[in-house]
Amino acid sequence: MDRELYLPKSWTDDRERCRAAKIPDERGFATKPELARAIVLRARASPLPNAWVTADAAYGQEWRFRRMLEEAAVGYVLAVPKSQPVPCYGRIDHLFRQAPDEAWEQRSCGDGAKGPRVYDGAAVQLPVIEDFDGERPTHHRWALARRSLSRPDGEPLLLEY
């Protein structure tokens, strides 16, 4: 629906280079999460239907981006680093290490170059966030993880929040 060109600080600090590339003078440096927030806000203001956002850990670990999505009532699936703190639980990877064996289900991610890609996956419901939910939550938050079948005691491979 939208896009933004990320310009490194080395570019935005070099106005002559920007002018040569036809980048307007008013365009300054913005982090990738700042650009993503602008994209989501423009999408929300547009007449196009949009109800959810998905992004990798570069955006998922940015609390300001998650907070904006919460405030805008936008659903999201964001990858986060294993050290991501979760209110009332501590680190997100510790949450999944404590998950019982029956919480993990085998799932296929489709065929890859070396054959089927199969992982264990688990989902854990997270507590309400009073700042957003008040006394009557309008939705639930979940954390998702997948782990290798060959190393079930290892680190979860993908954590989403």
Protein backbone atom coordinates (compact mmCIF):
# COMPACT_ATOMS: atom_id res chain seq x y z
CA MET A 1 0.00 0.00 0.00
CA ASP A 2 2.90 2.34 0.68
CA ARG A 3 6.66 2.58 0.88
CA GLU A 4 9.45 4.80 2.16
CA LEU A 5 13.05 4.90 1.03
CA TYR A 6 15.42 4.49 3.96
CA LEU A 7 18.30 6.92 3.66
CA PRO A 8 21.33 6.35 5.90
CA LYS A 9 22.61 9.28 7.92
CA SER A 10 25.66 9.41 5.63
CA TRP A 11 23.28 10.38 2.82
CA THR A 12 21.05 12.83 4.70
CA ASP A 13 24.13 14.59 6.11
CA ASP A 14 25.44 15.12 2.56
CA ARG A 15 22.97 17.61 1.05
CA GLU A 16 24.84 17.85 -2.26
CA ARG A 17 24.56 14.09 -2.72
CA CYS A 18 20.86 14.27 -1.90
CA ARG A 19 20.27 17.10 -4.37
CA ALA A 20 22.11 15.14 -7.09
CA ALA A 21 19.76 12.21 -6.39
CA LYS A 22 16.70 14.55 -6.44
CA ILE A 23 16.02 14.05 -2.72
CA PRO A 24 14.22 17.13 -1.35
CA ASP A 25 16.14 19.36 1.07
CA GLU A 26 13.47 18.93 3.73
CA ARG A 27 14.05 15.17 3.83
CA GLY A 28 16.11 14.42 6.93
CA PHE A 29 17.30 11.24 8.57
CA ALA A 30 14.63 8.88 9.94
CA THR A 31 15.09 5.45 11.46
CA LYS A 32 13.36 2.47 9.85
CA PRO A 33 10.81 2.26 12.71
CA GLU A 34 10.07 5.98 12.31
CA LEU A 35 9.43 5.42 8.60
CA ALA A 36 7.22 2.43 9.41
CA ARG A 37 5.15 4.50 11.85
CA ALA A 38 4.59 7.13 9.14
CA ILE A 39 3.54 4.43 6.64
CA VAL A 40 1.04 2.89 9.08
CA LEU A 41 -0.43 6.27 10.01
CA ARG A 42 -0.87 7.17 6.33
CA ALA A 43 -2.53 3.80 5.69
CA ARG A 44 -4.89 4.32 8.62
CA ALA A 45 -5.86 7.75 7.26
CA SER A 46 -6.48 6.38 3.76
CA PRO A 47 -9.77 4.93 2.49
CA LEU A 48 -8.08 1.58 1.81
CA PRO A 49 -8.99 -1.27 4.17
CA ASN A 50 -6.13 -2.10 6.52
CA ALA A 51 -6.40 -4.03 9.76
CA TRP A 52 -2.99 -5.53 10.55
CA VAL A 53 0.77 -5.13 10.23
CA THR A 54 3.56 -7.67 10.11
CA ALA A 55 7.27 -6.90 10.38
CA ASP A 56 10.65 -8.34 11.31
CA ALA A 57 12.60 -7.84 14.54
CA ALA A 58 14.08 -4.53 13.42
CA TYR A 59 10.58 -3.12 13.94
CA GLY A 60 9.30 -5.56 16.57
CA GLN A 61 11.92 -4.58 19.13
CA GLU A 62 10.99 -0.90 18.78
CA TRP A 63 8.52 -0.21 21.62
CA ARG A 64 7.38 3.10 20.11
CA PHE A 65 6.24 1.26 16.97
CA ARG A 66 4.34 -1.37 18.99
CA ARG A 67 2.76 1.34 21.16
CA MET A 68 1.59 3.26 18.08
CA LEU A 69 -0.01 0.07 16.71
CA GLU A 70 -1.75 -0.52 20.04
CA GLU A 71 -3.00 3.08 20.21
CA ALA A 72 -4.26 2.89 16.62
CA ALA A 73 -5.98 -0.47 17.37
CA VAL A 74 -4.04 -2.16 14.57
CA GLY A 75 -3.48 -5.90 14.80
CA TYR A 76 0.12 -6.98 14.43
CA VAL A 77 2.58 -9.86 14.26
CA LEU A 78 6.11 -8.62 14.89
CA ALA A 79 9.25 -10.68 15.25
CA VAL A 80 11.21 -9.77 18.37
CA PRO A 81 14.64 -10.69 19.72
CA LYS A 82 14.84 -13.46 22.30
CA SER A 83 15.72 -10.90 24.97
CA GLN A 84 12.45 -8.99 24.44
CA PRO A 85 10.89 -8.18 27.83
CA VAL A 86 7.25 -9.19 28.36
CA PRO A 87 5.30 -7.50 31.18
CA CYS A 88 4.85 -9.85 34.16
CA TYR A 89 7.02 -12.59 32.59
CA GLY A 90 10.55 -11.32 32.01
CA ARG A 91 12.32 -12.27 28.79
CA ILE A 92 10.21 -13.78 26.04
CA ASP A 93 12.58 -16.73 25.49
CA HIS A 94 12.31 -17.67 29.18
CA LEU A 95 8.54 -17.72 28.80
CA PHE A 96 8.80 -20.39 26.09
CA ARG A 97 11.46 -22.41 27.91
CA GLN A 98 8.89 -22.86 30.70
CA ALA A 99 6.16 -24.00 28.29
CA PRO A 100 5.08 -27.61 28.91
CA ASP A 101 5.74 -30.24 26.23
CA GLU A 102 2.05 -30.33 25.26
CA ALA A 103 2.19 -26.61 24.35
CA TRP A 104 4.41 -27.46 21.35
CA GLU A 105 2.83 -28.74 18.13
CA GLN A 106 4.57 -29.90 14.98
CA ARG A 107 3.85 -27.63 12.00
CA SER A 108 5.03 -27.55 8.42
CA CYS A 109 6.40 -24.35 6.90
CA GLY A 110 6.26 -25.90 3.42
CA ASP A 111 8.93 -27.49 1.31
CA GLY A 112 12.39 -25.96 1.18
CA ALA A 113 15.43 -26.58 -1.01
CA LYS A 114 16.41 -29.51 1.24
CA GLY A 115 12.92 -30.95 1.69
CA PRO A 116 10.09 -30.34 4.16
CA ARG A 117 10.59 -27.57 6.73
CA VAL A 118 8.93 -28.81 9.92
CA TYR A 119 9.16 -27.15 13.33
CA ASP A 120 7.58 -27.27 16.75
CA GLY A 121 5.41 -24.23 17.41
CA ALA A 122 3.80 -22.87 20.56
CA ALA A 123 1.59 -19.93 21.47
CA VAL A 124 1.23 -18.32 24.88
CA GLN A 125 -1.44 -15.77 25.77
CA LEU A 126 0.00 -12.65 27.40
CA PRO A 127 -1.57 -10.59 30.19
CA VAL A 128 -3.67 -7.51 29.51
CA ILE A 129 -1.94 -4.15 29.38
CA GLU A 130 -3.92 -1.82 31.62
CA ASP A 131 -2.78 1.33 29.75
CA PHE A 132 -4.47 0.03 26.60
CA ASP A 133 -7.10 -2.40 27.77
CA GLY A 134 -8.64 -0.90 30.90
CA GLU A 135 -11.05 -3.27 32.60
CA ARG A 136 -12.46 -4.76 29.37
CA PRO A 137 -9.86 -5.91 26.86
CA THR A 138 -10.97 -5.61 23.25
CA HIS A 139 -8.46 -8.22 22.06
CA HIS A 140 -5.88 -10.67 23.34
CA ARG A 141 -2.14 -10.63 22.88
CA TRP A 142 -0.18 -13.75 22.09
CA ALA A 143 3.48 -14.65 21.80
CA LEU A 144 4.40 -17.27 19.19
CA ALA A 145 7.59 -19.27 18.84
CA ARG A 146 8.99 -22.08 16.73
CA ARG A 147 11.90 -24.35 17.50
CA SER A 148 13.95 -26.98 15.75
CA LEU A 149 12.76 -30.59 15.96
CA SER A 150 16.39 -31.74 16.18
CA ARG A 151 17.17 -29.35 19.06
CA PRO A 152 13.97 -28.99 21.11
CA ASP A 153 15.94 -27.84 24.16
CA GLY A 154 17.68 -25.12 22.15
CA GLU A 155 16.68 -21.53 21.68
CA PRO A 156 13.32 -20.81 20.03
CA LEU A 157 14.00 -19.81 16.42
CA LEU A 158 11.36 -17.18 15.89
CA LEU A 159 9.56 -15.18 18.50
CA GLU A 160 6.59 -13.02 17.64
CA TYR A 161 4.66 -10.68 19.88
